[in-house]
Amino acid sequence: MVRGDRVDSVEYARRVNAAADLVGAGAPVAAAARTLASRYGVSVRQARRYLEQAMAAGHLEVPESSVVFTVKLPESLAGQIRARAHESDRAISAVVAQALAEFLERGAPEGRPGR
């Protein structure tokens, strides 16, 4: 596949899981590769990569799809978020998603009901 044609992490996990299902059902690797290549419109070589991943790691967790969620933040806070993302070599979205998930896990403060 051409580099620009890479699938996202959700589709990759689905393809590896399909490969794991074929291997788990006892399909020979060559036949499984041809099946995957036909099903997903990829080369047999790429299909073998999915099979190799499936044989090495088994089923993968399919990540949840992401959506665009725009918010307005104070400029200084946005700067701190960008800096934290840069320092940790992570995407801004990953830093914000982790922070929001941790915030929501803590729940509503005592004396303040949730909405």
PDB file of N, CA and C in Angstrom:
ATOM      1  N   MET A   1       0.835  -1.186   0.000  1.00  0.00           N
ATOM      2  CA  MET A   1       0.000   0.000   0.000  1.00  0.00           C
ATOM      3  C   MET A   1       0.875   1.242   0.000  1.00  0.00           C
ATOM      4  N   VAL A   2       0.409   2.247  -0.623  1.00  0.00           N
ATOM      5  CA  VAL A   2       1.115   3.521  -0.627  1.00  0.00           C
ATOM      6  C   VAL A   2       0.939   4.171   0.735  1.00  0.00           C
ATOM      7  N   ARG A   3       1.960   4.842   1.209  1.00  0.00           N
ATOM      8  CA  ARG A   3       1.937   5.415   2.553  1.00  0.00           C
ATOM      9  C   ARG A   3       0.697   6.265   2.821  1.00  0.00           C
ATOM     10  N   GLY A   4       0.216   7.032   1.848  1.00  0.00           N
ATOM     11  CA  GLY A   4      -0.958   7.873   2.027  1.00  0.00           C
ATOM     12  C   GLY A   4      -2.251   7.081   2.165  1.00  0.00           C
ATOM     13  N   ASP A   5      -2.203   5.791   1.862  1.00  0.00           N
ATOM     14  CA  ASP A   5      -3.396   4.952   1.913  1.00  0.00           C
ATOM     15  C   ASP A   5      -3.500   4.150   3.210  1.00  0.00           C
ATOM     16  N   ARG A   6      -2.732   4.495   4.206  1.00  0.00           N
ATOM     17  CA  ARG A   6      -2.787   3.747   5.464  1.00  0.00           C
ATOM     18  C   ARG A   6      -4.156   3.867   6.103  1.00  0.00           C
ATOM     19  N   VAL A   7      -4.560   2.787   6.741  1.00  0.00           N
ATOM     20  CA  VAL A   7      -5.848   2.803   7.432  1.00  0.00           C
ATOM     21  C   VAL A   7      -5.660   3.375   8.830  1.00  0.00           C
ATOM     22  N   ASP A   8      -6.752   3.852   9.416  1.00  0.00           N
ATOM     23  CA  ASP A   8      -6.670   4.380  10.775  1.00  0.00           C
ATOM     24  C   ASP A   8      -6.599   3.226  11.775  1.00  0.00           C
ATOM     25  N   SER A   9      -6.392   3.562  13.029  1.00  0.00           N
ATOM     26  CA  SER A   9      -6.185   2.539  14.059  1.00  0.00           C
ATOM     27  C   SER A   9      -7.404   1.649  14.264  1.00  0.00           C
ATOM     28  N   VAL A  10      -8.590   2.194  14.049  1.00  0.00           N
ATOM     29  CA  VAL A  10      -9.816   1.400  14.202  1.00  0.00           C
ATOM     30  C   VAL A  10      -9.864   0.324  13.125  1.00  0.00           C
ATOM     31  N   GLU A  11      -9.639   0.730  11.883  1.00  0.00           N
ATOM     32  CA  GLU A  11      -9.687  -0.225  10.768  1.00  0.00           C
ATOM     33  C   GLU A  11      -8.547  -1.232  10.872  1.00  0.00           C
ATOM     34  N   TYR A  12      -7.366  -0.781  11.289  1.00  0.00           N
ATOM     35  CA  TYR A  12      -6.237  -1.695  11.459  1.00  0.00           C
ATOM     36  C   TYR A  12      -6.581  -2.788  12.466  1.00  0.00           C
ATOM     37  N   ALA A  13      -7.142  -2.398  13.598  1.00  0.00           N
ATOM     38  CA  ALA A  13      -7.511  -3.380  14.620  1.00  0.00           C
ATOM     39  C   ALA A  13      -8.549  -4.354  14.081  1.00  0.00           C
ATOM     40  N   ARG A  14      -9.506  -3.858  13.326  1.00  0.00           N
ATOM     41  CA  ARG A  14     -10.527  -4.741  12.748  1.00  0.00           C
ATOM     42  C   ARG A  14      -9.901  -5.755  11.800  1.00  0.00           C
ATOM     43  N   ARG A  15      -8.955  -5.313  10.997  1.00  0.00           N
ATOM     44  CA  ARG A  15      -8.305  -6.222  10.047  1.00  0.00           C
ATOM     45  C   ARG A  15      -7.444  -7.258  10.758  1.00  0.00           C
ATOM     46  N   VAL A  16      -6.715  -6.835  11.765  1.00  0.00           N
ATOM     47  CA  VAL A  16      -5.915  -7.796  12.532  1.00  0.00           C
ATOM     48  C   VAL A  16      -6.834  -8.790  13.237  1.00  0.00           C
ATOM     49  N   ASN A  17      -7.947  -8.323  13.758  1.00  0.00           N
ATOM     50  CA  ASN A  17      -8.895  -9.221  14.420  1.00  0.00           C
ATOM     51  C   ASN A  17      -9.509 -10.204  13.435  1.00  0.00           C
ATOM     52  N   ALA A  18      -9.779  -9.759  12.210  1.00  0.00           N
ATOM     53  CA  ALA A  18     -10.279 -10.676  11.181  1.00  0.00           C
ATOM     54  C   ALA A  18      -9.223 -11.732  10.871  1.00  0.00           C
ATOM     55  N   ALA A  19      -7.969 -11.311  10.831  1.00  0.00           N
ATOM     56  CA  ALA A  19      -6.875 -12.258  10.613  1.00  0.00           C
ATOM     57  C   ALA A  19      -6.789 -13.252  11.763  1.00  0.00           C
ATOM     58  N   ALA A  20      -6.935 -12.766  12.983  1.00  0.00           N
ATOM     59  CA  ALA A  20      -6.899 -13.651  14.155  1.00  0.00           C
ATOM     60  C   ALA A  20      -8.044 -14.657  14.109  1.00  0.00           C
ATOM     61  N   ASP A  21      -9.210 -14.216  13.653  1.00  0.00           N
ATOM     62  CA  ASP A  21     -10.349 -15.129  13.531  1.00  0.00           C
ATOM     63  C   ASP A  21     -10.053 -16.239  12.526  1.00  0.00           C
ATOM     64  N   LEU A  22      -9.449 -15.876  11.392  1.00  0.00           N
ATOM     65  CA  LEU A  22      -9.120 -16.877  10.377  1.00  0.00           C
ATOM     66  C   LEU A  22      -8.093 -17.875  10.904  1.00  0.00           C
ATOM     67  N   VAL A  23      -7.058 -17.366  11.555  1.00  0.00           N
ATOM     68  CA  VAL A  23      -6.030 -18.241  12.127  1.00  0.00           C
ATOM     69  C   VAL A  23      -6.642 -19.126  13.207  1.00  0.00           C
ATOM     70  N   GLY A  24      -7.486 -18.534  14.045  1.00  0.00           N
ATOM     71  CA  GLY A  24      -8.141 -19.294  15.111  1.00  0.00           C
ATOM     72  C   GLY A  24      -9.057 -20.382  14.588  1.00  0.00           C
ATOM     73  N   ALA A  25      -9.610 -20.161  13.391  1.00  0.00           N
ATOM     74  CA  ALA A  25     -10.493 -21.158  12.784  1.00  0.00           C
ATOM     75  C   ALA A  25      -9.698 -22.252  12.078  1.00  0.00           C
ATOM     76  N   GLY A  26      -8.375 -22.127  12.093  1.00  0.00           N
ATOM     77  CA  GLY A  26      -7.534 -23.165  11.502  1.00  0.00           C
ATOM     78  C   GLY A  26      -7.229 -22.977  10.029  1.00  0.00           C
ATOM     79  N   ALA A  27      -7.498 -21.806   9.485  1.00  0.00           N
ATOM     80  CA  ALA A  27      -7.207 -21.560   8.069  1.00  0.00           C
ATOM     81  C   ALA A  27      -5.694 -21.531   7.858  1.00  0.00           C
ATOM     82  N   PRO A  28      -5.212 -22.178   6.800  1.00  0.00           N
ATOM     83  CA  PRO A  28      -3.782 -22.083   6.486  1.00  0.00           C
ATOM     84  C   PRO A  28      -3.408 -20.625   6.211  1.00  0.00           C
ATOM     85  N   VAL A  29      -2.190 -20.256   6.559  1.00  0.00           N
ATOM     86  CA  VAL A  29      -1.761 -18.864   6.438  1.00  0.00           C
ATOM     87  C   VAL A  29      -1.911 -18.356   5.005  1.00  0.00           C
ATOM     88  N   ALA A  30      -1.517 -19.151   4.024  1.00  0.00           N
ATOM     89  CA  ALA A  30      -1.604 -18.706   2.626  1.00  0.00           C
ATOM     90  C   ALA A  30      -3.052 -18.438   2.228  1.00  0.00           C
ATOM     91  N   ALA A  31      -3.954 -19.328   2.617  1.00  0.00           N
ATOM     92  CA  ALA A  31      -5.375 -19.147   2.289  1.00  0.00           C
ATOM     93  C   ALA A  31      -5.950 -17.948   3.037  1.00  0.00           C
ATOM     94  N   ALA A  32      -5.561 -17.791   4.297  1.00  0.00           N
ATOM     95  CA  ALA A  32      -6.041 -16.659   5.087  1.00  0.00           C
ATOM     96  C   ALA A  32      -5.562 -15.348   4.478  1.00  0.00           C
ATOM     97  N   ALA A  33      -4.323 -15.317   4.004  1.00  0.00           N
ATOM     98  CA  ALA A  33      -3.784 -14.103   3.382  1.00  0.00           C
ATOM     99  C   ALA A  33      -4.566 -13.759   2.119  1.00  0.00           C
ATOM    100  N   ARG A  34      -4.875 -14.765   1.309  1.00  0.00           N
ATOM    101  CA  ARG A  34      -5.657 -14.502   0.091  1.00  0.00           C
ATOM    102  C   ARG A  34      -7.057 -14.003   0.441  1.00  0.00           C
ATOM    103  N   THR A  35      -7.659 -14.589   1.468  1.00  0.00           N
ATOM    104  CA  THR A  35      -8.995 -14.167   1.900  1.00  0.00           C
ATOM    105  C   THR A  35      -8.982 -12.714   2.356  1.00  0.00           C
ATOM    106  N   LEU A  36      -8.016 -12.360   3.197  1.00  0.00           N
ATOM    107  CA  LEU A  36      -7.916 -10.981   3.692  1.00  0.00           C
ATOM    108  C   LEU A  36      -7.634 -10.003   2.557  1.00  0.00           C
ATOM    109  N   ALA A  37      -6.747 -10.393   1.640  1.00  0.00           N
ATOM    110  CA  ALA A  37      -6.411  -9.522   0.510  1.00  0.00           C
ATOM    111  C   ALA A  37      -7.652  -9.226  -0.320  1.00  0.00           C
ATOM    112  N   SER A  38      -8.447 -10.244  -0.551  1.00  0.00           N
ATOM    113  CA  SER A  38      -9.672 -10.068  -1.331  1.00  0.00           C
ATOM    114  C   SER A  38     -10.703  -9.236  -0.570  1.00  0.00           C
ATOM    115  N   ARG A  39     -10.866  -9.534   0.704  1.00  0.00           N
ATOM    116  CA  ARG A  39     -11.875  -8.853   1.525  1.00  0.00           C
ATOM    117  C   ARG A  39     -11.591  -7.364   1.667  1.00  0.00           C
ATOM    118  N   TYR A  40     -10.319  -7.005   1.847  1.00  0.00           N
ATOM    119  CA  TYR A  40      -9.975  -5.610   2.137  1.00  0.00           C
ATOM    120  C   TYR A  40      -9.321  -4.874   0.967  1.00  0.00           C
ATOM    121  N   GLY A  41      -9.156  -5.552  -0.161  1.00  0.00           N
ATOM    122  CA  GLY A  41      -8.567  -4.894  -1.323  1.00  0.00           C
ATOM    123  C   GLY A  41      -7.116  -4.503  -1.113  1.00  0.00           C
ATOM    124  N   VAL A  42      -6.370  -5.358  -0.418  1.00  0.00           N
ATOM    125  CA  VAL A  42      -4.953  -5.103  -0.167  1.00  0.00           C
ATOM    126  C   VAL A  42      -4.137  -6.201  -0.833  1.00  0.00           C
ATOM    127  N   SER A  43      -2.837  -6.012  -0.876  1.00  0.00           N
ATOM    128  CA  SER A  43      -1.965  -7.033  -1.442  1.00  0.00           C
ATOM    129  C   SER A  43      -1.884  -8.225  -0.490  1.00  0.00           C
ATOM    130  N   VAL A  44      -1.505  -9.366  -1.045  1.00  0.00           N
ATOM    131  CA  VAL A  44      -1.317 -10.553  -0.209  1.00  0.00           C
ATOM    132  C   VAL A  44      -0.202 -10.288   0.800  1.00  0.00           C
ATOM    133  N   ARG A  45       0.798  -9.530   0.386  1.00  0.00           N
ATOM    134  CA  ARG A  45       1.896  -9.188   1.296  1.00  0.00           C
ATOM    135  C   ARG A  45       1.384  -8.404   2.511  1.00  0.00           C
ATOM    136  N   GLN A  46       0.498  -7.406   2.262  1.00  0.00           N
ATOM    137  CA  GLN A  46      -0.074  -6.640   3.373  1.00  0.00           C
ATOM    138  C   GLN A  46      -0.946  -7.533   4.239  1.00  0.00           C
ATOM    139  N   ALA A  47      -1.709  -8.405   3.608  1.00  0.00           N
ATOM    140  CA  ALA A  47      -2.563  -9.323   4.362  1.00  0.00           C
ATOM    141  C   ALA A  47      -1.716 -10.204   5.278  1.00  0.00           C
ATOM    142  N   ARG A  48      -0.549 -10.618   4.799  1.00  0.00           N
ATOM    143  CA  ARG A  48       0.349 -11.425   5.642  1.00  0.00           C
ATOM    144  C   ARG A  48       0.830 -10.624   6.857  1.00  0.00           C
ATOM    145  N   ARG A  49       1.013  -9.317   6.677  1.00  0.00           N
ATOM    146  CA  ARG A  49       1.409  -8.480   7.824  1.00  0.00           C
ATOM    147  C   ARG A  49       0.314  -8.486   8.893  1.00  0.00           C
ATOM    148  N   TYR A  50      -0.947  -8.411   8.449  1.00  0.00           N
ATOM    149  CA  TYR A  50      -2.054  -8.496   9.410  1.00  0.00           C
ATOM    150  C   TYR A  50      -2.024  -9.845  10.122  1.00  0.00           C
ATOM    151  N   LEU A  51      -1.762 -10.899   9.367  1.00  0.00           N
ATOM    152  CA  LEU A  51      -1.704 -12.239   9.961  1.00  0.00           C
ATOM    153  C   LEU A  51      -0.542 -12.357  10.950  1.00  0.00           C
ATOM    154  N   GLU A  52       0.607 -11.803  10.589  1.00  0.00           N
ATOM    155  CA  GLU A  52       1.761 -11.846  11.498  1.00  0.00           C
ATOM    156  C   GLU A  52       1.447 -11.137  12.810  1.00  0.00           C
ATOM    157  N   GLN A  53       0.792  -9.976  12.709  1.00  0.00           N
ATOM    158  CA  GLN A  53       0.412  -9.242  13.922  1.00  0.00           C
ATOM    159  C   GLN A  53      -0.575 -10.058  14.743  1.00  0.00           C
ATOM    160  N   ALA A  54      -1.534 -10.674  14.066  1.00  0.00           N
ATOM    161  CA  ALA A  54      -2.543 -11.476  14.766  1.00  0.00           C
ATOM    162  C   ALA A  54      -1.903 -12.671  15.462  1.00  0.00           C
ATOM    163  N   MET A  55      -0.948 -13.308  14.795  1.00  0.00           N
ATOM    164  CA  MET A  55      -0.293 -14.475  15.400  1.00  0.00           C
ATOM    165  C   MET A  55       0.601 -14.068  16.567  1.00  0.00           C
ATOM    166  N   ALA A  56       1.159 -12.868  16.507  1.00  0.00           N
ATOM    167  CA  ALA A  56       2.040 -12.400  17.578  1.00  0.00           C
ATOM    168  C   ALA A  56       1.263 -11.892  18.784  1.00  0.00           C
ATOM    169  N   ALA A  57       0.158 -11.179  18.537  1.00  0.00           N
ATOM    170  CA  ALA A  57      -0.532 -10.498  19.639  1.00  0.00           C
ATOM    171  C   ALA A  57      -1.968 -10.944  19.845  1.00  0.00           C
ATOM    172  N   GLY A  58      -2.510 -11.722  18.926  1.00  0.00           N
ATOM    173  CA  GLY A  58      -3.914 -12.114  19.053  1.00  0.00           C
ATOM    174  C   GLY A  58      -4.821 -10.951  18.702  1.00  0.00           C
ATOM    175  N   HIS A  59      -6.012 -10.980  19.255  1.00  0.00           N
ATOM    176  CA  HIS A  59      -6.991  -9.927  18.974  1.00  0.00           C
ATOM    177  C   HIS A  59      -6.538  -8.601  19.593  1.00  0.00           C
ATOM    178  N   LEU A  60      -6.789  -7.526  18.871  1.00  0.00           N
ATOM    179  CA  LEU A  60      -6.482  -6.182  19.354  1.00  0.00           C
ATOM    180  C   LEU A  60      -7.761  -5.515  19.837  1.00  0.00           C
ATOM    181  N   GLU A  61      -7.622  -4.643  20.801  1.00  0.00           N
ATOM    182  CA  GLU A  61      -8.759  -3.841  21.234  1.00  0.00           C
ATOM    183  C   GLU A  61      -9.038  -2.805  20.147  1.00  0.00           C
ATOM    184  N   VAL A  62     -10.292  -2.719  19.732  1.00  0.00           N
ATOM    185  CA  VAL A  62     -10.662  -1.744  18.705  1.00  0.00           C
ATOM    186  C   VAL A  62     -10.876  -0.406  19.399  1.00  0.00           C
ATOM    187  N   PRO A  63     -10.036   0.597  19.079  1.00  0.00           N
ATOM    188  CA  PRO A  63     -10.181   1.887  19.752  1.00  0.00           C
ATOM    189  C   PRO A  63     -11.482   2.577  19.354  1.00  0.00           C
ATOM    190  N   GLU A  64     -11.965   3.383  20.256  1.00  0.00           N
ATOM    191  CA  GLU A  64     -13.176   4.146  19.985  1.00  0.00           C
ATOM    192  C   GLU A  64     -12.866   5.232  18.956  1.00  0.00           C
ATOM    193  N   SER A  65     -13.789   5.456  18.045  1.00  0.00           N
ATOM    194  CA  SER A  65     -13.610   6.512  17.050  1.00  0.00           C
ATOM    195  C   SER A  65     -13.578   7.874  17.739  1.00  0.00           C
ATOM    196  N   SER A  66     -12.838   8.794  17.146  1.00  0.00           N
ATOM    197  CA  SER A  66     -12.731  10.151  17.689  1.00  0.00           C
ATOM    198  C   SER A  66     -13.652  11.092  16.929  1.00  0.00           C
ATOM    199  N   VAL A  67     -14.061  12.159  17.602  1.00  0.00           N
ATOM    200  CA  VAL A  67     -14.865  13.208  16.980  1.00  0.00           C
ATOM    201  C   VAL A  67     -14.204  14.548  17.259  1.00  0.00           C
ATOM    202  N   VAL A  68     -14.497  15.506  16.420  1.00  0.00           N
ATOM    203  CA  VAL A  68     -13.993  16.863  16.642  1.00  0.00           C
ATOM    204  C   VAL A  68     -14.860  17.512  17.709  1.00  0.00           C
ATOM    205  N   PHE A  69     -14.215  18.132  18.696  1.00  0.00           N
ATOM    206  CA  PHE A  69     -14.908  18.771  19.814  1.00  0.00           C
ATOM    207  C   PHE A  69     -14.175  20.076  20.084  1.00  0.00           C
ATOM    208  N   THR A  70     -14.750  21.177  19.666  1.00  0.00           N
ATOM    209  CA  THR A  70     -14.085  22.472  19.759  1.00  0.00           C
ATOM    210  C   THR A  70     -14.524  23.211  21.014  1.00  0.00           C
ATOM    211  N   VAL A  71     -13.555  23.741  21.750  1.00  0.00           N
ATOM    212  CA  VAL A  71     -13.847  24.539  22.941  1.00  0.00           C
ATOM    213  C   VAL A  71     -12.982  25.798  22.908  1.00  0.00           C
ATOM    214  N   LYS A  72     -13.445  26.824  23.603  1.00  0.00           N
ATOM    215  CA  LYS A  72     -12.648  28.043  23.751  1.00  0.00           C
ATOM    216  C   LYS A  72     -11.956  27.973  25.108  1.00  0.00           C
ATOM    217  N   LEU A  73     -10.653  28.212  25.099  1.00  0.00           N
ATOM    218  CA  LEU A  73      -9.858  28.182  26.324  1.00  0.00           C
ATOM    219  C   LEU A  73      -9.090  29.484  26.451  1.00  0.00           C
ATOM    220  N   PRO A  74      -8.758  29.856  27.676  1.00  0.00           N
ATOM    221  CA  PRO A  74      -7.870  31.011  27.845  1.00  0.00           C
ATOM    222  C   PRO A  74      -6.546  30.733  27.123  1.00  0.00           C
ATOM    223  N   GLU A  75      -5.985  31.765  26.555  1.00  0.00           N
ATOM    224  CA  GLU A  75      -4.752  31.623  25.783  1.00  0.00           C
ATOM    225  C   GLU A  75      -3.636  30.967  26.598  1.00  0.00           C
ATOM    226  N   SER A  76      -3.530  31.344  27.872  1.00  0.00           N
ATOM    227  CA  SER A  76      -2.459  30.781  28.703  1.00  0.00           C
ATOM    228  C   SER A  76      -2.647  29.279  28.916  1.00  0.00           C
ATOM    229  N   LEU A  77      -3.893  28.842  29.096  1.00  0.00           N
ATOM    230  CA  LEU A  77      -4.163  27.415  29.282  1.00  0.00           C
ATOM    231  C   LEU A  77      -3.842  26.646  28.002  1.00  0.00           C
ATOM    232  N   ALA A  78      -4.240  27.191  26.867  1.00  0.00           N
ATOM    233  CA  ALA A  78      -3.930  26.547  25.591  1.00  0.00           C
ATOM    234  C   ALA A  78      -2.419  26.416  25.416  1.00  0.00           C
ATOM    235  N   GLY A  79      -1.686  27.440  25.813  1.00  0.00           N
ATOM    236  CA  GLY A  79      -0.229  27.389  25.734  1.00  0.00           C
ATOM    237  C   GLY A  79       0.360  26.311  26.623  1.00  0.00           C
ATOM    238  N   GLN A  80      -0.192  26.176  27.830  1.00  0.00           N
ATOM    239  CA  GLN A  80       0.285  25.134  28.745  1.00  0.00           C
ATOM    240  C   GLN A  80       0.011  23.740  28.177  1.00  0.00           C
ATOM    241  N   ILE A  81      -1.147  23.584  27.554  1.00  0.00           N
ATOM    242  CA  ILE A  81      -1.497  22.286  26.967  1.00  0.00           C
ATOM    243  C   ILE A  81      -0.544  21.960  25.818  1.00  0.00           C
ATOM    244  N   ARG A  82      -0.293  22.941  24.960  1.00  0.00           N
ATOM    245  CA  ARG A  82       0.645  22.722  23.851  1.00  0.00           C
ATOM    246  C   ARG A  82       2.034  22.347  24.377  1.00  0.00           C
ATOM    247  N   ALA A  83       2.476  23.055  25.414  1.00  0.00           N
ATOM    248  CA  ALA A  83       3.796  22.783  25.985  1.00  0.00           C
ATOM    249  C   ALA A  83       3.857  21.378  26.578  1.00  0.00           C
ATOM    250  N   ARG A  84       2.815  20.974  27.303  1.00  0.00           N
ATOM    251  CA  ARG A  84       2.781  19.632  27.903  1.00  0.00           C
ATOM    252  C   ARG A  84       2.812  18.564  26.813  1.00  0.00           C
ATOM    253  N   ALA A  85       2.060  18.796  25.744  1.00  0.00           N
ATOM    254  CA  ALA A  85       2.038  17.836  24.638  1.00  0.00           C
ATOM    255  C   ALA A  85       3.426  17.727  24.010  1.00  0.00           C
ATOM    256  N   HIS A  86       4.069  18.863  23.811  1.00  0.00           N
ATOM    257  CA  HIS A  86       5.407  18.868  23.216  1.00  0.00           C
ATOM    258  C   HIS A  86       6.412  18.161  24.126  1.00  0.00           C
ATOM    259  N   GLU A  87       6.373  18.461  25.421  1.00  0.00           N
ATOM    260  CA  GLU A  87       7.299  17.854  26.386  1.00  0.00           C
ATOM    261  C   GLU A  87       7.147  16.338  26.443  1.00  0.00           C
ATOM    262  N   SER A  88       5.916  15.872  26.340  1.00  0.00           N
ATOM    263  CA  SER A  88       5.663  14.435  26.463  1.00  0.00           C
ATOM    264  C   SER A  88       5.627  13.734  25.105  1.00  0.00           C
ATOM    265  N   ASP A  89       5.909  14.499  24.032  1.00  0.00           N
ATOM    266  CA  ASP A  89       5.916  13.956  22.675  1.00  0.00           C
ATOM    267  C   ASP A  89       4.601  13.248  22.348  1.00  0.00           C
ATOM    268  N   ARG A  90       3.500  13.912  22.720  1.00  0.00           N
ATOM    269  CA  ARG A  90       2.162  13.384  22.467  1.00  0.00           C
ATOM    270  C   ARG A  90       1.351  14.430  21.722  1.00  0.00           C
ATOM    271  N   ALA A  91       0.290  13.982  21.095  1.00  0.00           N
ATOM    272  CA  ALA A  91      -0.614  14.900  20.409  1.00  0.00           C
ATOM    273  C   ALA A  91      -1.401  15.705  21.437  1.00  0.00           C
ATOM    274  N   ILE A  92      -1.757  16.925  21.077  1.00  0.00           N
ATOM    275  CA  ILE A  92      -2.573  17.759  21.963  1.00  0.00           C
ATOM    276  C   ILE A  92      -3.865  17.030  22.315  1.00  0.00           C
ATOM    277  N   SER A  93      -4.482  16.395  21.334  1.00  0.00           N
ATOM    278  CA  SER A  93      -5.730  15.665  21.579  1.00  0.00           C
ATOM    279  C   SER A  93      -5.547  14.578  22.633  1.00  0.00           C
ATOM    280  N   ALA A  94      -4.417  13.892  22.600  1.00  0.00           N
ATOM    281  CA  ALA A  94      -4.170  12.825  23.573  1.00  0.00           C
ATOM    282  C   ALA A  94      -4.028  13.391  24.982  1.00  0.00           C
ATOM    283  N   VAL A  95      -3.334  14.517  25.108  1.00  0.00           N
ATOM    284  CA  VAL A  95      -3.156  15.149  26.422  1.00  0.00           C
ATOM    285  C   VAL A  95      -4.498  15.614  26.973  1.00  0.00           C
ATOM    286  N   VAL A  96      -5.288  16.274  26.138  1.00  0.00           N
ATOM    287  CA  VAL A  96      -6.588  16.787  26.577  1.00  0.00           C
ATOM    288  C   VAL A  96      -7.535  15.634  26.900  1.00  0.00           C
ATOM    289  N   ALA A  97      -7.545  14.593  26.069  1.00  0.00           N
ATOM    290  CA  ALA A  97      -8.428  13.448  26.322  1.00  0.00           C
ATOM    291  C   ALA A  97      -8.094  12.790  27.658  1.00  0.00           C
ATOM    292  N   GLN A  98      -6.809  12.620  27.948  1.00  0.00           N
ATOM    293  CA  GLN A  98      -6.409  12.020  29.219  1.00  0.00           C
ATOM    294  C   GLN A  98      -6.832  12.898  30.390  1.00  0.00           C
ATOM    295  N   ALA A  99      -6.602  14.204  30.282  1.00  0.00           N
ATOM    296  CA  ALA A  99      -6.958  15.121  31.372  1.00  0.00           C
ATOM    297  C   ALA A  99      -8.464  15.118  31.622  1.00  0.00           C
ATOM    298  N   LEU A 100      -9.249  15.147  30.561  1.00  0.00           N
ATOM    299  CA  LEU A 100     -10.704  15.145  30.727  1.00  0.00           C
ATOM    300  C   LEU A 100     -11.200  13.816  31.289  1.00  0.00           C
ATOM    301  N   ALA A 101     -10.623  12.711  30.840  1.00  0.00           N
ATOM    302  CA  ALA A 101     -11.027  11.402  31.366  1.00  0.00           C
ATOM    303  C   ALA A 101     -10.732  11.315  32.862  1.00  0.00           C
ATOM    304  N   GLU A 102      -9.548  11.786  33.276  1.00  0.00           N
ATOM    305  CA  GLU A 102      -9.204  11.773  34.702  1.00  0.00           C
ATOM    306  C   GLU A 102     -10.138  12.677  35.496  1.00  0.00           C
ATOM    307  N   PHE A 103     -10.479  13.829  34.953  1.00  0.00           N
ATOM    308  CA  PHE A 103     -11.399  14.751  35.615  1.00  0.00           C
ATOM    309  C   PHE A 103     -12.765  14.093  35.800  1.00  0.00           C
ATOM    310  N   LEU A 104     -13.272  13.467  34.761  1.00  0.00           N
ATOM    311  CA  LEU A 104     -14.599  12.846  34.832  1.00  0.00           C
ATOM    312  C   LEU A 104     -14.618  11.629  35.756  1.00  0.00           C
ATOM    313  N   GLU A 105     -13.504  10.907  35.845  1.00  0.00           N
ATOM    314  CA  GLU A 105     -13.429   9.754  36.747  1.00  0.00           C
ATOM    315  C   GLU A 105     -13.551  10.173  38.207  1.00  0.00           C
ATOM    316  N   ARG A 106     -13.086  11.372  38.524  1.00  0.00           N
ATOM    317  CA  ARG A 106     -13.165  11.851  39.910  1.00  0.00           C
ATOM    318  C   ARG A 106     -14.602  12.109  40.325  1.00  0.00           C
ATOM    319  N   GLY A 107     -15.479  12.392  39.389  1.00  0.00           N
ATOM    320  CA  GLY A 107     -16.886  12.629  39.704  1.00  0.00           C
ATOM    321  C   GLY A 107     -17.131  14.044  40.191  1.00  0.00           C
ATOM    322  N   ALA A 108     -18.387  14.305  40.524  1.00  0.00           N
ATOM    323  CA  ALA A 108     -18.791  15.635  40.996  1.00  0.00           C
ATOM    324  C   ALA A 108     -18.227  15.878  42.388  1.00  0.00           C
ATOM    325  N   PRO A 109     -17.773  17.106  42.667  1.00  0.00           N
ATOM    326  CA  PRO A 109     -17.280  17.419  44.012  1.00  0.00           C
ATOM    327  C   PRO A 109     -18.404  17.289  45.043  1.00  0.00           C
ATOM    328  N   GLU A 110     -18.029  17.014  46.281  1.00  0.00           N
ATOM    329  CA  GLU A 110     -19.006  16.908  47.375  1.00  0.00           C
ATOM    330  C   GLU A 110     -19.827  18.188  47.451  1.00  0.00           C
ATOM    331  N   GLY A 111     -21.116  18.049  47.624  1.00  0.00           N
ATOM    332  CA  GLY A 111     -21.978  19.207  47.775  1.00  0.00           C
ATOM    333  C   GLY A 111     -22.420  19.831  46.464  1.00  0.00           C
ATOM    334  N   ARG A 112     -21.878  19.352  45.357  1.00  0.00           N
ATOM    335  CA  ARG A 112     -22.287  19.870  44.035  1.00  0.00           C
ATOM    336  C   ARG A 112     -22.837  18.716  43.221  1.00  0.00           C
ATOM    337  N   PRO A 113     -24.132  18.699  43.017  1.00  0.00           N
ATOM    338  CA  PRO A 113     -24.696  17.606  42.228  1.00  0.00           C
ATOM    339  C   PRO A 113     -24.260  17.701  40.771  1.00  0.00           C
ATOM    340  N   GLY A 114     -24.139  16.550  40.123  1.00  0.00           N
ATOM    341  CA  GLY A 114     -23.823  16.535  38.696  1.00  0.00           C
ATOM    342  C   GLY A 114     -25.011  17.020  37.898  1.00  0.00           C
ATOM    343  N   ARG A 115     -24.780  17.385  36.694  1.00  0.00           N
ATOM    344  CA  ARG A 115     -25.878  17.878  35.842  1.00  0.00           C
ATOM    345  C   ARG A 115     -26.464  16.770  35.037  1.00  0.00           C
TER     346      ARG A 115
END
